[in-house]
């Protein structure tokens, strides 16, 4: 198993490399602008000039801004409704049950989970992702430190109760009112040992098999465009269902013109019967243990 210190060293090295590239790029942009300002009427081969100019335009402040918005590596959790996203996030981050969970669509707001010490734990609700990115003040500030004063008895359930009204999907909101509600961006700072490594995790609303509100697609698109995270697609069975396929196709549609978005896949719940059927095993007859282990090994290798 990889030592956590090795992960920290790797993350810090990557961050230093990123900062060095940004600084060098910014220096190059300044040199380019100075050169062009000193020789505005420089006569060169037009075709070659156009090629050079096009290459120079790829390095600009807007590009740098995209890479400086999110200083930490980011992981976005995504998948069909009831695919185990909530349970995975809480288990992965080694935190208690703070998210509402039930059958059907529960949350419709994007939630950023970042590290904070126990005595400074918080939740900030912004009117939008853009407001958070531009460092505007949050609409609502919730202090959560009171639930972490006892290291041996952290009150995760109380944290969930305090966040519930801001996370759970209202049943009485429709149309534009729901669009405005779903745009709210929530940032939660928690004493998680995984977040302390130097990563941020984004939890997103689940996709439904019968469709999805367009505003949620737009919110997801803006998140990925702005933060440029790694996507982790969760699905229930190794045999991809129609729901999972529709969900993934909806994701690709939501990404639109965004290219080179890294996507990883994680199976959260393997159904033995589904595995056996996919491998052509007659499940109506008794399946011996060694046969199941053989099929299971083939499926997951």
C-alpha atoms as a PDB file:
ATOM      1  CA  UNK A   1       0.000   0.000   0.000  1.00  0.00           C
ATOM      2  CA  UNK A   2       1.317   3.455  -0.902  1.00  0.00           C
ATOM      3  CA  UNK A   3       2.422   5.503   2.090  1.00  0.00           C
ATOM      4  CA  UNK A   4       0.431   8.726   2.530  1.00  0.00           C
ATOM      5  CA  UNK A   5       3.679  10.669   2.812  1.00  0.00           C
ATOM      6  CA  UNK A   6       4.572   9.525  -0.703  1.00  0.00           C
ATOM      7  CA  UNK A   7       1.260  10.895  -1.958  1.00  0.00           C
ATOM      8  CA  UNK A   8       1.875  14.219  -0.219  1.00  0.00           C
ATOM      9  CA  UNK A   9       5.355  14.480  -1.767  1.00  0.00           C
ATOM     10  CA  UNK A  10       3.952  13.682  -5.227  1.00  0.00           C
ATOM     11  CA  UNK A  11       1.177  16.279  -4.895  1.00  0.00           C
ATOM     12  CA  UNK A  12       3.620  18.936  -3.693  1.00  0.00           C
ATOM     13  CA  UNK A  13       6.036  18.159  -6.545  1.00  0.00           C
ATOM     14  CA  UNK A  14       3.244  18.404  -9.112  1.00  0.00           C
ATOM     15  CA  UNK A  15       2.089  21.698  -7.605  1.00  0.00           C
ATOM     16  CA  UNK A  16       5.620  23.141  -7.747  1.00  0.00           C
ATOM     17  CA  UNK A  17       5.948  22.044 -11.366  1.00  0.00           C
ATOM     18  CA  UNK A  18       2.607  23.659 -12.217  1.00  0.00           C
ATOM     19  CA  UNK A  19       3.611  26.942 -10.570  1.00  0.00           C
ATOM     20  CA  UNK A  20       6.942  26.976 -12.407  1.00  0.00           C
ATOM     21  CA  UNK A  21       5.219  26.429 -15.764  1.00  0.00           C
ATOM     22  CA  UNK A  22       2.760  29.232 -15.020  1.00  0.00           C
ATOM     23  CA  UNK A  23       5.565  31.630 -14.074  1.00  0.00           C
ATOM     24  CA  UNK A  24       7.578  30.781 -17.192  1.00  0.00           C
ATOM     25  CA  UNK A  25       4.499  31.171 -19.390  1.00  0.00           C
ATOM     26  CA  UNK A  26       3.688  34.543 -17.849  1.00  0.00           C
ATOM     27  CA  UNK A  27       7.275  35.689 -18.412  1.00  0.00           C
ATOM     28  CA  UNK A  28       7.063  34.546 -22.033  1.00  0.00           C
ATOM     29  CA  UNK A  29       3.816  36.483 -22.547  1.00  0.00           C
ATOM     30  CA  UNK A  30       5.435  39.661 -21.212  1.00  0.00           C
ATOM     31  CA  UNK A  31       8.430  39.221 -23.522  1.00  0.00           C
ATOM     32  CA  UNK A  32       6.150  38.589 -26.484  1.00  0.00           C
ATOM     33  CA  UNK A  33       4.089  41.706 -25.789  1.00  0.00           C
ATOM     34  CA  UNK A  34       7.210  43.870 -25.353  1.00  0.00           C
ATOM     35  CA  UNK A  35       8.699  42.599 -28.605  1.00  0.00           C
ATOM     36  CA  UNK A  36       5.518  43.188 -30.620  1.00  0.00           C
ATOM     37  CA  UNK A  37       5.103  46.680 -29.174  1.00  0.00           C
ATOM     38  CA  UNK A  38       8.656  47.650 -30.200  1.00  0.00           C
ATOM     39  CA  UNK A  39       8.227  46.384 -33.760  1.00  0.00           C
ATOM     40  CA  UNK A  40       4.588  47.063 -34.696  1.00  0.00           C
ATOM     41  CA  UNK A  41       5.381  47.445 -38.409  1.00  0.00           C
ATOM     42  CA  UNK A  42       7.791  44.571 -38.701  1.00  0.00           C
ATOM     43  CA  UNK A  43       7.534  43.147 -42.208  1.00  0.00           C
ATOM     44  CA  UNK A  44       7.729  39.356 -42.368  1.00  0.00           C
ATOM     45  CA  UNK A  45       6.506  36.593 -44.582  1.00  0.00           C
ATOM     46  CA  UNK A  46       2.715  36.777 -44.122  1.00  0.00           C
ATOM     47  CA  UNK A  47       2.109  33.025 -44.129  1.00  0.00           C
ATOM     48  CA  UNK A  48       4.874  32.392 -41.593  1.00  0.00           C
ATOM     49  CA  UNK A  49       3.710  35.320 -39.469  1.00  0.00           C
ATOM     50  CA  UNK A  50       0.186  33.936 -39.265  1.00  0.00           C
ATOM     51  CA  UNK A  51       1.510  30.544 -38.151  1.00  0.00           C
ATOM     52  CA  UNK A  52       3.714  32.158 -35.518  1.00  0.00           C
ATOM     53  CA  UNK A  53       0.971  34.480 -34.270  1.00  0.00           C
ATOM     54  CA  UNK A  54      -1.463  31.595 -33.957  1.00  0.00           C
ATOM     55  CA  UNK A  55       1.054  29.715 -31.818  1.00  0.00           C
ATOM     56  CA  UNK A  56       1.722  32.725 -29.615  1.00  0.00           C
ATOM     57  CA  UNK A  57      -1.967  33.316 -29.044  1.00  0.00           C
ATOM     58  CA  UNK A  58      -2.244  29.922 -27.393  1.00  0.00           C
ATOM     59  CA  UNK A  59      -0.256  31.325 -24.486  1.00  0.00           C
ATOM     60  CA  UNK A  60      -2.362  34.018 -22.824  1.00  0.00           C
ATOM     61  CA  UNK A  61      -3.577  35.216 -19.441  1.00  0.00           C
ATOM     62  CA  UNK A  62      -6.947  33.509 -19.902  1.00  0.00           C
ATOM     63  CA  UNK A  63      -5.214  30.147 -20.206  1.00  0.00           C
ATOM     64  CA  UNK A  64      -3.125  30.844 -17.106  1.00  0.00           C
ATOM     65  CA  UNK A  65      -6.247  31.880 -15.207  1.00  0.00           C
ATOM     66  CA  UNK A  66      -7.827  28.507 -15.881  1.00  0.00           C
ATOM     67  CA  UNK A  67      -4.900  26.763 -14.213  1.00  0.00           C
ATOM     68  CA  UNK A  68      -4.660  29.102 -11.222  1.00  0.00           C
ATOM     69  CA  UNK A  69      -8.324  29.053 -10.193  1.00  0.00           C
ATOM     70  CA  UNK A  70      -8.002  25.705  -8.483  1.00  0.00           C
ATOM     71  CA  UNK A  71      -4.656  25.432  -6.706  1.00  0.00           C
ATOM     72  CA  UNK A  72      -5.212  21.831  -5.610  1.00  0.00           C
ATOM     73  CA  UNK A  73      -5.793  18.643  -7.622  1.00  0.00           C
ATOM     74  CA  UNK A  74      -9.541  18.114  -7.893  1.00  0.00           C
ATOM     75  CA  UNK A  75     -11.640  14.954  -8.106  1.00  0.00           C
ATOM     76  CA  UNK A  76     -15.276  15.145  -9.241  1.00  0.00           C
ATOM     77  CA  UNK A  77     -17.570  12.260  -8.287  1.00  0.00           C
ATOM     78  CA  UNK A  78     -20.280  11.566 -10.823  1.00  0.00           C
ATOM     79  CA  UNK A  79     -22.725   8.812 -11.736  1.00  0.00           C
ATOM     80  CA  UNK A  80     -26.324   7.595 -11.969  1.00  0.00           C
ATOM     81  CA  UNK A  81     -28.740   8.219  -9.155  1.00  0.00           C
ATOM     82  CA  UNK A  82     -28.367   5.658  -6.337  1.00  0.00           C
ATOM     83  CA  UNK A  83     -24.974   4.480  -7.611  1.00  0.00           C
ATOM     84  CA  UNK A  84     -23.356   4.846  -4.201  1.00  0.00           C
ATOM     85  CA  UNK A  85     -21.761   8.289  -4.649  1.00  0.00           C
ATOM     86  CA  UNK A  86     -22.663   9.517  -1.177  1.00  0.00           C
ATOM     87  CA  UNK A  87     -21.438   6.371   0.571  1.00  0.00           C
ATOM     88  CA  UNK A  88     -18.240   6.381  -1.482  1.00  0.00           C
ATOM     89  CA  UNK A  89     -17.418  10.024  -0.773  1.00  0.00           C
ATOM     90  CA  UNK A  90     -17.951   9.626   2.961  1.00  0.00           C
ATOM     91  CA  UNK A  91     -15.948   6.396   3.126  1.00  0.00           C
ATOM     92  CA  UNK A  92     -13.152   7.692   0.890  1.00  0.00           C
ATOM     93  CA  UNK A  93     -12.735  10.894   2.899  1.00  0.00           C
ATOM     94  CA  UNK A  94     -13.055   9.050   6.226  1.00  0.00           C
ATOM     95  CA  UNK A  95     -15.833  11.298   7.455  1.00  0.00           C
ATOM     96  CA  UNK A  96     -19.211  10.579   9.001  1.00  0.00           C
ATOM     97  CA  UNK A  97     -22.628  10.596   7.315  1.00  0.00           C
ATOM     98  CA  UNK A  98     -23.179  14.263   6.527  1.00  0.00           C
ATOM     99  CA  UNK A  99     -25.074  13.941   3.225  1.00  0.00           C
ATOM    100  CA  UNK A 100     -28.780  13.125   3.005  1.00  0.00           C
ATOM    101  CA  UNK A 101     -29.385   9.790   1.305  1.00  0.00           C
ATOM    102  CA  UNK A 102     -32.521   7.973   0.220  1.00  0.00           C
ATOM    103  CA  UNK A 103     -34.148   6.428  -2.826  1.00  0.00           C
ATOM    104  CA  UNK A 104     -34.573   8.917  -5.681  1.00  0.00           C
ATOM    105  CA  UNK A 105     -32.951  12.295  -6.371  1.00  0.00           C
ATOM    106  CA  UNK A 106     -31.797  13.814  -3.080  1.00  0.00           C
ATOM    107  CA  UNK A 107     -29.246  16.518  -3.822  1.00  0.00           C
ATOM    108  CA  UNK A 108     -29.107  18.900  -6.765  1.00  0.00           C
ATOM    109  CA  UNK A 109     -26.307  21.229  -5.726  1.00  0.00           C
ATOM    110  CA  UNK A 110     -22.610  20.787  -6.390  1.00  0.00           C
ATOM    111  CA  UNK A 111     -20.639  20.427  -3.172  1.00  0.00           C
ATOM    112  CA  UNK A 112     -16.915  21.068  -2.801  1.00  0.00           C
ATOM    113  CA  UNK A 113     -15.202  19.274   0.068  1.00  0.00           C
ATOM    114  CA  UNK A 114     -11.872  20.757   1.133  1.00  0.00           C
ATOM    115  CA  UNK A 115      -9.633  20.443   4.142  1.00  0.00           C
ATOM    116  CA  UNK A 116     -10.052  22.506   7.281  1.00  0.00           C
ATOM    117  CA  UNK A 117      -8.768  21.933  10.786  1.00  0.00           C
ATOM    118  CA  UNK A 118     -11.376  20.825  13.343  1.00  0.00           C
ATOM    119  CA  UNK A 119     -11.406  24.197  15.111  1.00  0.00           C
ATOM    120  CA  UNK A 120     -12.136  26.004  11.829  1.00  0.00           C
ATOM    121  CA  UNK A 121     -14.609  23.600  10.166  1.00  0.00           C
ATOM    122  CA  UNK A 122     -17.178  25.470   8.104  1.00  0.00           C
ATOM    123  CA  UNK A 123     -19.742  25.460   5.308  1.00  0.00           C
ATOM    124  CA  UNK A 124     -20.130  28.369   2.885  1.00  0.00           C
ATOM    125  CA  UNK A 125     -23.074  28.722   0.498  1.00  0.00           C
ATOM    126  CA  UNK A 126     -22.371  30.915  -2.537  1.00  0.00           C
ATOM    127  CA  UNK A 127     -24.934  32.159  -5.029  1.00  0.00           C
ATOM    128  CA  UNK A 128     -22.971  30.429  -7.801  1.00  0.00           C
ATOM    129  CA  UNK A 129     -19.675  28.769  -8.682  1.00  0.00           C
ATOM    130  CA  UNK A 130     -18.592  31.993 -10.366  1.00  0.00           C
ATOM    131  CA  UNK A 131     -19.020  33.908  -7.105  1.00  0.00           C
ATOM    132  CA  UNK A 132     -16.746  31.414  -5.352  1.00  0.00           C
ATOM    133  CA  UNK A 133     -14.123  31.583  -8.101  1.00  0.00           C
ATOM    134  CA  UNK A 134     -14.078  35.398  -8.033  1.00  0.00           C
ATOM    135  CA  UNK A 135     -13.744  35.371  -4.225  1.00  0.00           C
ATOM    136  CA  UNK A 136     -17.066  37.029  -3.490  1.00  0.00           C
ATOM    137  CA  UNK A 137     -18.513  36.730  -0.010  1.00  0.00           C
ATOM    138  CA  UNK A 138     -20.760  33.705   0.618  1.00  0.00           C
ATOM    139  CA  UNK A 139     -24.486  34.232   1.089  1.00  0.00           C
ATOM    140  CA  UNK A 140     -24.545  31.986   4.134  1.00  0.00           C
ATOM    141  CA  UNK A 141     -21.767  31.047   6.567  1.00  0.00           C
ATOM    142  CA  UNK A 142     -22.174  28.010   8.821  1.00  0.00           C
ATOM    143  CA  UNK A 143     -19.644  27.357  11.572  1.00  0.00           C
ATOM    144  CA  UNK A 144     -19.142  23.637  12.191  1.00  0.00           C
ATOM    145  CA  UNK A 145     -16.257  23.717  14.666  1.00  0.00           C
ATOM    146  CA  UNK A 146     -18.580  23.096  17.624  1.00  0.00           C
ATOM    147  CA  UNK A 147     -19.102  19.532  16.401  1.00  0.00           C
ATOM    148  CA  UNK A 148     -15.381  18.679  16.454  1.00  0.00           C
ATOM    149  CA  UNK A 149     -14.294  19.931  19.864  1.00  0.00           C
ATOM    150  CA  UNK A 150     -14.041  16.396  21.224  1.00  0.00           C
ATOM    151  CA  UNK A 151     -11.553  14.432  19.107  1.00  0.00           C
ATOM    152  CA  UNK A 152     -12.909  11.147  20.454  1.00  0.00           C
ATOM    153  CA  UNK A 153     -16.541  11.968  19.703  1.00  0.00           C
ATOM    154  CA  UNK A 154     -16.963  13.990  16.538  1.00  0.00           C
ATOM    155  CA  UNK A 155     -20.624  14.824  15.971  1.00  0.00           C
ATOM    156  CA  UNK A 156     -20.964  14.036  12.257  1.00  0.00           C
ATOM    157  CA  UNK A 157     -24.709  13.514  12.539  1.00  0.00           C
ATOM    158  CA  UNK A 158     -25.111  17.056  13.849  1.00  0.00           C
ATOM    159  CA  UNK A 159     -23.063  18.338  10.908  1.00  0.00           C
ATOM    160  CA  UNK A 160     -25.478  16.549   8.574  1.00  0.00           C
ATOM    161  CA  UNK A 161     -28.480  18.067  10.351  1.00  0.00           C
ATOM    162  CA  UNK A 162     -27.057  21.567   9.999  1.00  0.00           C
ATOM    163  CA  UNK A 163     -26.333  21.064   6.284  1.00  0.00           C
ATOM    164  CA  UNK A 164     -29.552  19.206   5.444  1.00  0.00           C
ATOM    165  CA  UNK A 165     -31.692  22.169   4.366  1.00  0.00           C
ATOM    166  CA  UNK A 166     -28.945  23.370   2.016  1.00  0.00           C
ATOM    167  CA  UNK A 167     -28.321  19.957   0.435  1.00  0.00           C
ATOM    168  CA  UNK A 168     -31.685  18.230   0.198  1.00  0.00           C
ATOM    169  CA  UNK A 169     -33.696  18.906  -2.952  1.00  0.00           C
ATOM    170  CA  UNK A 170     -36.842  20.961  -2.187  1.00  0.00           C
ATOM    171  CA  UNK A 171     -40.047  19.258  -3.260  1.00  0.00           C
ATOM    172  CA  UNK A 172     -41.960  22.473  -3.948  1.00  0.00           C
ATOM    173  CA  UNK A 173     -39.555  24.219  -6.333  1.00  0.00           C
ATOM    174  CA  UNK A 174     -40.084  24.129 -10.081  1.00  0.00           C
ATOM    175  CA  UNK A 175     -39.018  26.104 -13.151  1.00  0.00           C
ATOM    176  CA  UNK A 176     -36.834  29.164 -12.661  1.00  0.00           C
ATOM    177  CA  UNK A 177     -37.013  28.936  -8.880  1.00  0.00           C
ATOM    178  CA  UNK A 178     -35.451  25.479  -9.016  1.00  0.00           C
ATOM    179  CA  UNK A 179     -32.805  26.656 -11.507  1.00  0.00           C
ATOM    180  CA  UNK A 180     -31.772  29.435  -9.140  1.00  0.00           C
ATOM    181  CA  UNK A 181     -31.730  27.061  -6.174  1.00  0.00           C
ATOM    182  CA  UNK A 182     -29.581  24.493  -7.962  1.00  0.00           C
ATOM    183  CA  UNK A 183     -26.977  27.111  -8.955  1.00  0.00           C
ATOM    184  CA  UNK A 184     -25.988  27.632  -5.329  1.00  0.00           C
ATOM    185  CA  UNK A 185     -22.456  26.346  -4.757  1.00  0.00           C
ATOM    186  CA  UNK A 186     -21.570  24.796  -1.414  1.00  0.00           C
ATOM    187  CA  UNK A 187     -18.055  24.570   0.005  1.00  0.00           C
ATOM    188  CA  UNK A 188     -17.503  22.495   3.131  1.00  0.00           C
ATOM    189  CA  UNK A 189     -14.225  22.537   5.073  1.00  0.00           C
ATOM    190  CA  UNK A 190     -13.736  19.409   7.171  1.00  0.00           C
ATOM    191  CA  UNK A 191     -10.957  17.692   9.161  1.00  0.00           C
ATOM    192  CA  UNK A 192     -10.531  14.787   6.748  1.00  0.00           C
ATOM    193  CA  UNK A 193      -7.139  13.026   6.581  1.00  0.00           C
ATOM    194  CA  UNK A 194      -7.603  12.479   2.838  1.00  0.00           C
ATOM    195  CA  UNK A 195      -8.426  16.111   2.109  1.00  0.00           C
ATOM    196  CA  UNK A 196      -5.445  17.080   4.249  1.00  0.00           C
ATOM    197  CA  UNK A 197      -3.205  15.449   1.654  1.00  0.00           C
ATOM    198  CA  UNK A 198      -3.917  18.439  -0.590  1.00  0.00           C
ATOM    199  CA  UNK A 199      -6.861  17.483  -2.809  1.00  0.00           C
ATOM    200  CA  UNK A 200     -10.409  18.780  -3.214  1.00  0.00           C
ATOM    201  CA  UNK A 201     -13.398  16.539  -3.905  1.00  0.00           C
ATOM    202  CA  UNK A 202     -16.585  17.646  -5.676  1.00  0.00           C
ATOM    203  CA  UNK A 203     -19.831  15.751  -5.173  1.00  0.00           C
ATOM    204  CA  UNK A 204     -22.361  16.219  -7.992  1.00  0.00           C
ATOM    205  CA  UNK A 205     -26.087  15.440  -8.334  1.00  0.00           C
ATOM    206  CA  UNK A 206     -26.928  12.000  -9.682  1.00  0.00           C
ATOM    207  CA  UNK A 207     -28.263  11.483 -13.191  1.00  0.00           C
ATOM    208  CA  UNK A 208     -31.681   9.883 -13.545  1.00  0.00           C
ATOM    209  CA  UNK A 209     -32.554   7.158 -16.014  1.00  0.00           C
ATOM    210  CA  UNK A 210     -35.535   9.156 -17.312  1.00  0.00           C
ATOM    211  CA  UNK A 211     -33.681  12.390 -17.931  1.00  0.00           C
ATOM    212  CA  UNK A 212     -32.168  15.280 -16.036  1.00  0.00           C
ATOM    213  CA  UNK A 213     -32.863  18.942 -15.564  1.00  0.00           C
ATOM    214  CA  UNK A 214     -30.911  20.923 -18.141  1.00  0.00           C
ATOM    215  CA  UNK A 215     -29.757  23.356 -15.476  1.00  0.00           C
ATOM    216  CA  UNK A 216     -27.875  20.524 -13.735  1.00  0.00           C
ATOM    217  CA  UNK A 217     -26.060  19.756 -17.003  1.00  0.00           C
ATOM    218  CA  UNK A 218     -25.093  23.412 -17.255  1.00  0.00           C
ATOM    219  CA  UNK A 219     -23.840  23.473 -13.667  1.00  0.00           C
ATOM    220  CA  UNK A 220     -21.714  20.384 -14.272  1.00  0.00           C
ATOM    221  CA  UNK A 221     -20.302  21.861 -17.479  1.00  0.00           C
ATOM    222  CA  UNK A 222     -19.298  25.091 -15.725  1.00  0.00           C
ATOM    223  CA  UNK A 223     -17.666  23.152 -12.901  1.00  0.00           C
ATOM    224  CA  UNK A 224     -15.517  21.027 -15.211  1.00  0.00           C
ATOM    225  CA  UNK A 225     -14.671  23.966 -17.475  1.00  0.00           C
ATOM    226  CA  UNK A 226     -13.606  26.102 -14.512  1.00  0.00           C
ATOM    227  CA  UNK A 227     -11.958  23.643 -12.155  1.00  0.00           C
ATOM    228  CA  UNK A 228     -10.613  21.115 -14.702  1.00  0.00           C
ATOM    229  CA  UNK A 229     -10.887  18.129 -12.368  1.00  0.00           C
ATOM    230  CA  UNK A 230     -10.428  14.409 -12.851  1.00  0.00           C
ATOM    231  CA  UNK A 231     -13.824  12.708 -13.244  1.00  0.00           C
ATOM    232  CA  UNK A 232     -14.662   9.518 -11.381  1.00  0.00           C
ATOM    233  CA  UNK A 233     -17.713   7.775 -12.875  1.00  0.00           C
ATOM    234  CA  UNK A 234     -19.458   5.436 -10.408  1.00  0.00           C
ATOM    235  CA  UNK A 235     -21.711   2.613 -11.582  1.00  0.00           C
ATOM    236  CA  UNK A 236     -23.386  -0.285  -9.821  1.00  0.00           C
ATOM    237  CA  UNK A 237     -22.645  -3.468 -11.780  1.00  0.00           C
ATOM    238  CA  UNK A 238     -19.795  -4.682 -14.013  1.00  0.00           C
ATOM    239  CA  UNK A 239     -22.530  -5.294 -16.586  1.00  0.00           C
ATOM    240  CA  UNK A 240     -23.337  -1.741 -17.614  1.00  0.00           C
ATOM    241  CA  UNK A 241     -27.100  -1.186 -17.476  1.00  0.00           C
ATOM    242  CA  UNK A 242     -29.179   1.052 -19.741  1.00  0.00           C
ATOM    243  CA  UNK A 243     -29.323   3.543 -16.877  1.00  0.00           C
ATOM    244  CA  UNK A 244     -25.532   3.659 -16.647  1.00  0.00           C
ATOM    245  CA  UNK A 245     -25.199   4.014 -20.415  1.00  0.00           C
ATOM    246  CA  UNK A 246     -27.718   6.852 -20.537  1.00  0.00           C
ATOM    247  CA  UNK A 247     -25.965   8.505 -17.631  1.00  0.00           C
ATOM    248  CA  UNK A 248     -22.555   8.339 -19.313  1.00  0.00           C
ATOM    249  CA  UNK A 249     -23.939   9.584 -22.638  1.00  0.00           C
ATOM    250  CA  UNK A 250     -25.579  12.461 -20.775  1.00  0.00           C
ATOM    251  CA  UNK A 251     -22.226  13.229 -19.197  1.00  0.00           C
ATOM    252  CA  UNK A 252     -20.530  13.358 -22.596  1.00  0.00           C
ATOM    253  CA  UNK A 253     -23.299  15.621 -23.850  1.00  0.00           C
ATOM    254  CA  UNK A 254     -22.936  17.864 -20.800  1.00  0.00           C
ATOM    255  CA  UNK A 255     -19.188  18.172 -21.406  1.00  0.00           C
ATOM    256  CA  UNK A 256     -19.912  19.441 -24.890  1.00  0.00           C
ATOM    257  CA  UNK A 257     -16.801  20.965 -26.439  1.00  0.00           C
ATOM    258  CA  UNK A 258     -14.526  20.183 -23.495  1.00  0.00           C
ATOM    259  CA  UNK A 259     -11.759  17.888 -24.676  1.00  0.00           C
ATOM    260  CA  UNK A 260      -9.199  15.779 -22.857  1.00  0.00           C
ATOM    261  CA  UNK A 261     -11.192  15.470 -19.630  1.00  0.00           C
ATOM    262  CA  UNK A 262      -9.727  12.479 -17.758  1.00  0.00           C
ATOM    263  CA  UNK A 263     -12.437   9.989 -16.738  1.00  0.00           C
ATOM    264  CA  UNK A 264     -11.990   6.953 -14.495  1.00  0.00           C
ATOM    265  CA  UNK A 265     -14.593   4.306 -13.692  1.00  0.00           C
ATOM    266  CA  UNK A 266     -15.413   2.652 -10.371  1.00  0.00           C
ATOM    267  CA  UNK A 267     -17.806  -0.243  -9.804  1.00  0.00           C
ATOM    268  CA  UNK A 268     -19.492   0.239  -6.422  1.00  0.00           C
ATOM    269  CA  UNK A 269     -21.695  -2.827  -6.078  1.00  0.00           C
ATOM    270  CA  UNK A 270     -21.149  -6.134  -7.835  1.00  0.00           C
ATOM    271  CA  UNK A 271     -24.232  -8.354  -8.188  1.00  0.00           C
ATOM    272  CA  UNK A 272     -23.097 -12.025  -8.289  1.00  0.00           C
ATOM    273  CA  UNK A 273     -26.082 -13.127 -10.399  1.00  0.00           C
ATOM    274  CA  UNK A 274     -25.428 -10.432 -12.998  1.00  0.00           C
ATOM    275  CA  UNK A 275     -21.750 -11.380 -13.167  1.00  0.00           C
ATOM    276  CA  UNK A 276     -22.561 -15.056 -13.688  1.00  0.00           C
ATOM    277  CA  UNK A 277     -25.207 -14.385 -16.350  1.00  0.00           C
ATOM    278  CA  UNK A 278     -22.830 -12.136 -18.286  1.00  0.00           C
ATOM    279  CA  UNK A 279     -20.317 -14.987 -18.381  1.00  0.00           C
ATOM    280  CA  UNK A 280     -22.924 -17.429 -19.695  1.00  0.00           C
ATOM    281  CA  UNK A 281     -23.334 -19.396 -16.461  1.00  0.00           C
ATOM    282  CA  UNK A 282     -26.733 -21.008 -15.874  1.00  0.00           C
ATOM    283  CA  UNK A 283     -27.813 -19.419 -12.583  1.00  0.00           C
ATOM    284  CA  UNK A 284     -30.881 -21.644 -12.317  1.00  0.00           C
ATOM    285  CA  UNK A 285     -28.580 -24.478 -11.392  1.00  0.00           C
ATOM    286  CA  UNK A 286     -26.426 -24.563  -8.290  1.00  0.00           C
ATOM    287  CA  UNK A 287     -23.159 -22.753  -8.909  1.00  0.00           C
ATOM    288  CA  UNK A 288     -20.143 -24.202  -7.163  1.00  0.00           C
ATOM    289  CA  UNK A 289     -17.907 -21.887  -5.188  1.00  0.00           C
ATOM    290  CA  UNK A 290     -14.837 -22.542  -7.339  1.00  0.00           C
ATOM    291  CA  UNK A 291     -16.807 -21.718 -10.515  1.00  0.00           C
ATOM    292  CA  UNK A 292     -18.006 -18.407  -9.086  1.00  0.00           C
ATOM    293  CA  UNK A 293     -14.480 -17.526  -7.964  1.00  0.00           C
ATOM    294  CA  UNK A 294     -13.207 -18.337 -11.465  1.00  0.00           C
ATOM    295  CA  UNK A 295     -15.809 -16.083 -13.108  1.00  0.00           C
ATOM    296  CA  UNK A 296     -15.243 -13.358 -10.533  1.00  0.00           C
ATOM    297  CA  UNK A 297     -11.498 -13.405 -11.207  1.00  0.00           C
ATOM    298  CA  UNK A 298     -12.003 -13.153 -14.975  1.00  0.00           C
ATOM    299  CA  UNK A 299     -14.493 -10.326 -14.632  1.00  0.00           C
ATOM    300  CA  UNK A 300     -12.356  -8.078 -12.452  1.00  0.00           C
ATOM    301  CA  UNK A 301      -8.930  -8.752 -13.975  1.00  0.00           C
END
